């Protein structure tokens, strides 16, 4: 799947559950090419993305864009 396809799948799943995309907090596991595309699309749609990624450089780049980015060791805390 592509980043755009994943975005539409996520938007459809949230809509099916009655959750508006605008205002939703969405956690992403990984922020590679597809994840970065999702971050951009989610922000455009008014959602708040949060990313877990093992790469400190990726987390720093996301943080510079105003996106919360956590190391994978914080996965359990994010999901709590």
N, C-alpha and C. Protein backbone atom coordinates (compact mmCIF):
# COMPACT_ATOMS: atom_id res chain seq x y z
N UNK A 1 0.82 -1.20 0.00
CA UNK A 1 0.00 0.00 0.00
C UNK A 1 0.86 1.26 0.00
N UNK A 2 0.29 2.29 -0.50
CA UNK A 2 0.98 3.57 -0.55
C UNK A 2 0.60 4.40 0.67
N UNK A 3 1.33 5.47 0.89
CA UNK A 3 0.99 6.38 1.96
C UNK A 3 -0.41 6.95 1.79
N UNK A 4 -0.75 7.30 0.56
CA UNK A 4 -2.08 7.87 0.29
C UNK A 4 -3.17 6.83 0.53
N UNK A 5 -2.91 5.60 0.12
CA UNK A 5 -3.88 4.53 0.36
C UNK A 5 -4.08 4.28 1.85
N UNK A 6 -2.99 4.30 2.60
CA UNK A 6 -3.09 4.13 4.04
C UNK A 6 -3.87 5.26 4.69
N UNK A 7 -3.67 6.48 4.18
CA UNK A 7 -4.41 7.61 4.72
C UNK A 7 -5.91 7.41 4.52
N UNK A 8 -6.31 7.02 3.31
CA UNK A 8 -7.73 6.85 3.04
C UNK A 8 -8.32 5.67 3.82
N UNK A 9 -7.55 4.62 4.01
CA UNK A 9 -8.00 3.49 4.81
C UNK A 9 -8.23 3.95 6.26
N UNK A 10 -7.29 4.66 6.81
CA UNK A 10 -7.42 5.16 8.17
C UNK A 10 -8.61 6.11 8.30
N UNK A 11 -8.74 7.04 7.37
CA UNK A 11 -9.86 7.98 7.41
C UNK A 11 -11.19 7.24 7.35
N UNK A 12 -11.27 6.22 6.50
CA UNK A 12 -12.50 5.44 6.39
C UNK A 12 -12.81 4.65 7.65
N UNK A 13 -11.77 4.08 8.26
CA UNK A 13 -11.97 3.32 9.50
C UNK A 13 -12.46 4.24 10.62
N UNK A 14 -11.84 5.41 10.74
CA UNK A 14 -12.28 6.34 11.77
C UNK A 14 -13.72 6.80 11.52
N UNK A 15 -14.04 7.11 10.27
CA UNK A 15 -15.40 7.53 9.93
C UNK A 15 -16.40 6.42 10.26
N UNK A 16 -16.03 5.18 9.98
CA UNK A 16 -16.90 4.05 10.28
C UNK A 16 -17.17 3.89 11.76
N UNK A 17 -16.24 4.37 12.58
CA UNK A 17 -16.40 4.31 14.04
C UNK A 17 -16.99 5.60 14.59
N UNK A 18 -17.32 6.53 13.70
CA UNK A 18 -17.90 7.79 14.13
C UNK A 18 -16.89 8.76 14.73
N UNK A 19 -15.61 8.57 14.41
CA UNK A 19 -14.56 9.45 14.93
C UNK A 19 -14.15 10.41 13.82
N UNK A 20 -14.38 11.71 13.99
CA UNK A 20 -13.96 12.66 12.97
C UNK A 20 -12.44 12.73 12.89
N UNK A 21 -11.91 12.76 11.70
CA UNK A 21 -10.47 12.84 11.51
C UNK A 21 -9.92 14.15 12.08
N UNK A 22 -10.62 15.23 11.84
CA UNK A 22 -10.20 16.52 12.41
C UNK A 22 -10.32 16.42 13.93
N UNK A 23 -9.22 16.66 14.60
CA UNK A 23 -9.20 16.59 16.05
C UNK A 23 -8.77 15.25 16.62
N UNK A 24 -8.66 14.23 15.77
CA UNK A 24 -8.24 12.91 16.24
C UNK A 24 -6.74 12.90 16.53
N UNK A 25 -6.34 12.12 17.53
CA UNK A 25 -4.91 11.85 17.79
C UNK A 25 -4.63 10.49 17.20
N UNK A 26 -3.63 10.43 16.32
CA UNK A 26 -3.31 9.20 15.61
C UNK A 26 -1.85 8.84 15.85
N UNK A 27 -1.62 7.66 16.41
CA UNK A 27 -0.26 7.19 16.65
C UNK A 27 0.19 6.34 15.46
N UNK A 28 1.39 6.61 15.00
CA UNK A 28 1.98 5.87 13.90
C UNK A 28 3.19 5.10 14.41
N UNK A 29 3.30 3.86 14.03
CA UNK A 29 4.46 3.06 14.36
C UNK A 29 5.38 3.13 13.15
N UNK A 30 6.41 3.92 13.27
CA UNK A 30 7.34 4.12 12.16
C UNK A 30 7.01 5.39 11.39
N UNK A 31 8.06 6.09 11.01
CA UNK A 31 7.87 7.34 10.26
C UNK A 31 8.84 7.38 9.09
N UNK A 32 8.85 6.30 8.33
CA UNK A 32 9.64 6.27 7.11
C UNK A 32 8.89 7.00 6.01
N UNK A 33 9.07 6.59 4.77
CA UNK A 33 8.43 7.29 3.65
C UNK A 33 6.91 7.31 3.78
N UNK A 34 6.31 6.17 4.06
CA UNK A 34 4.85 6.10 4.19
C UNK A 34 4.40 6.85 5.43
N UNK A 35 5.10 6.65 6.53
CA UNK A 35 4.74 7.33 7.76
C UNK A 35 4.82 8.85 7.64
N UNK A 36 5.85 9.33 6.97
CA UNK A 36 5.98 10.79 6.79
C UNK A 36 4.85 11.32 5.92
N UNK A 37 4.45 10.55 4.91
CA UNK A 37 3.32 10.96 4.08
C UNK A 37 2.05 11.03 4.94
N UNK A 38 1.85 10.03 5.78
CA UNK A 38 0.68 10.03 6.66
C UNK A 38 0.71 11.21 7.62
N UNK A 39 1.86 11.51 8.18
CA UNK A 39 1.98 12.66 9.08
C UNK A 39 1.50 13.92 8.37
N UNK A 40 1.98 14.14 7.16
CA UNK A 40 1.59 15.34 6.41
C UNK A 40 0.09 15.37 6.14
N UNK A 41 -0.46 14.25 5.68
CA UNK A 41 -1.90 14.20 5.34
C UNK A 41 -2.76 14.35 6.58
N UNK A 42 -2.34 13.72 7.69
CA UNK A 42 -3.11 13.84 8.93
C UNK A 42 -3.13 15.28 9.42
N UNK A 43 -2.00 15.96 9.33
CA UNK A 43 -1.94 17.36 9.76
C UNK A 43 -2.84 18.22 8.87
N UNK A 44 -2.81 17.97 7.57
CA UNK A 44 -3.68 18.71 6.65
C UNK A 44 -5.15 18.52 7.01
N UNK A 45 -5.49 17.33 7.49
CA UNK A 45 -6.88 17.00 7.81
C UNK A 45 -7.29 17.46 9.21
N UNK A 46 -6.34 18.06 9.94
CA UNK A 46 -6.67 18.57 11.27
C UNK A 46 -6.46 17.56 12.39
N UNK A 47 -5.86 16.42 12.08
CA UNK A 47 -5.55 15.43 13.11
C UNK A 47 -4.20 15.73 13.74
N UNK A 48 -3.93 15.13 14.87
CA UNK A 48 -2.65 15.27 15.55
C UNK A 48 -1.91 13.94 15.49
N UNK A 49 -0.90 13.85 14.62
CA UNK A 49 -0.13 12.61 14.55
C UNK A 49 0.94 12.56 15.64
N UNK A 50 1.19 11.37 16.12
CA UNK A 50 2.28 11.09 17.05
C UNK A 50 3.01 9.89 16.46
N UNK A 51 4.31 9.97 16.38
CA UNK A 51 5.07 8.89 15.74
C UNK A 51 6.03 8.22 16.70
N UNK A 52 6.12 6.91 16.59
CA UNK A 52 7.16 6.13 17.26
C UNK A 52 8.16 5.75 16.19
N UNK A 53 9.43 6.03 16.42
CA UNK A 53 10.44 5.66 15.43
C UNK A 53 11.76 5.41 16.14
N UNK A 54 12.49 4.38 15.71
CA UNK A 54 13.76 4.07 16.36
C UNK A 54 14.90 5.02 16.01
N UNK A 55 14.75 5.77 14.93
CA UNK A 55 15.83 6.60 14.42
C UNK A 55 15.80 8.00 15.04
N UNK A 56 16.84 8.37 15.82
CA UNK A 56 16.86 9.70 16.44
C UNK A 56 16.79 10.84 15.42
N UNK A 57 17.39 10.67 14.25
CA UNK A 57 17.35 11.73 13.24
C UNK A 57 15.93 11.93 12.71
N UNK A 58 15.19 10.86 12.53
CA UNK A 58 13.80 10.96 12.08
C UNK A 58 12.96 11.65 13.15
N UNK A 59 13.16 11.26 14.40
CA UNK A 59 12.42 11.90 15.50
C UNK A 59 12.74 13.38 15.59
N UNK A 60 14.00 13.74 15.41
CA UNK A 60 14.39 15.15 15.46
C UNK A 60 13.75 15.94 14.32
N UNK A 61 13.71 15.35 13.13
CA UNK A 61 13.10 16.03 11.98
C UNK A 61 11.60 16.24 12.22
N UNK A 62 10.94 15.24 12.77
CA UNK A 62 9.51 15.38 13.07
C UNK A 62 9.29 16.44 14.15
N UNK A 63 10.11 16.40 15.18
CA UNK A 63 9.98 17.38 16.26
C UNK A 63 10.17 18.80 15.73
N UNK A 64 11.09 18.97 14.79
CA UNK A 64 11.32 20.29 14.19
C UNK A 64 10.10 20.78 13.43
N UNK A 65 9.26 19.85 12.98
CA UNK A 65 8.02 20.19 12.28
C UNK A 65 6.85 20.33 13.26
N UNK A 66 7.12 20.16 14.55
CA UNK A 66 6.05 20.28 15.54
C UNK A 66 5.28 19.01 15.79
N UNK A 67 5.82 17.87 15.37
CA UNK A 67 5.15 16.59 15.55
C UNK A 67 5.80 15.85 16.71
N UNK A 68 5.00 15.38 17.64
CA UNK A 68 5.53 14.59 18.74
C UNK A 68 6.09 13.29 18.19
N UNK A 69 7.33 13.00 18.53
CA UNK A 69 7.99 11.79 18.04
C UNK A 69 8.71 11.13 19.21
N UNK A 70 8.42 9.87 19.41
CA UNK A 70 8.94 9.14 20.56
C UNK A 70 9.80 7.97 20.13
N UNK A 71 10.75 7.58 20.97
CA UNK A 71 11.51 6.37 20.69
C UNK A 71 10.62 5.15 20.91
N UNK A 72 10.94 4.05 20.27
CA UNK A 72 10.10 2.86 20.36
C UNK A 72 10.00 2.32 21.78
N UNK A 73 10.94 2.65 22.63
CA UNK A 73 10.89 2.20 24.01
C UNK A 73 9.69 2.80 24.76
N UNK A 74 9.10 3.83 24.21
CA UNK A 74 7.94 4.47 24.85
C UNK A 74 6.60 3.99 24.29
N UNK A 75 6.63 2.92 23.51
CA UNK A 75 5.40 2.41 22.89
C UNK A 75 4.33 2.07 23.93
N UNK A 76 4.71 1.37 24.97
CA UNK A 76 3.73 0.97 25.99
C UNK A 76 3.09 2.20 26.64
N UNK A 77 3.89 3.21 26.95
CA UNK A 77 3.36 4.44 27.55
C UNK A 77 2.42 5.16 26.59
N UNK A 78 2.76 5.17 25.31
CA UNK A 78 1.90 5.83 24.32
C UNK A 78 0.54 5.15 24.23
N UNK A 79 0.54 3.83 24.28
CA UNK A 79 -0.70 3.09 24.13
C UNK A 79 -1.53 3.04 25.40
N UNK A 80 -0.93 3.41 26.53
CA UNK A 80 -1.66 3.36 27.81
C UNK A 80 -2.72 4.45 27.88
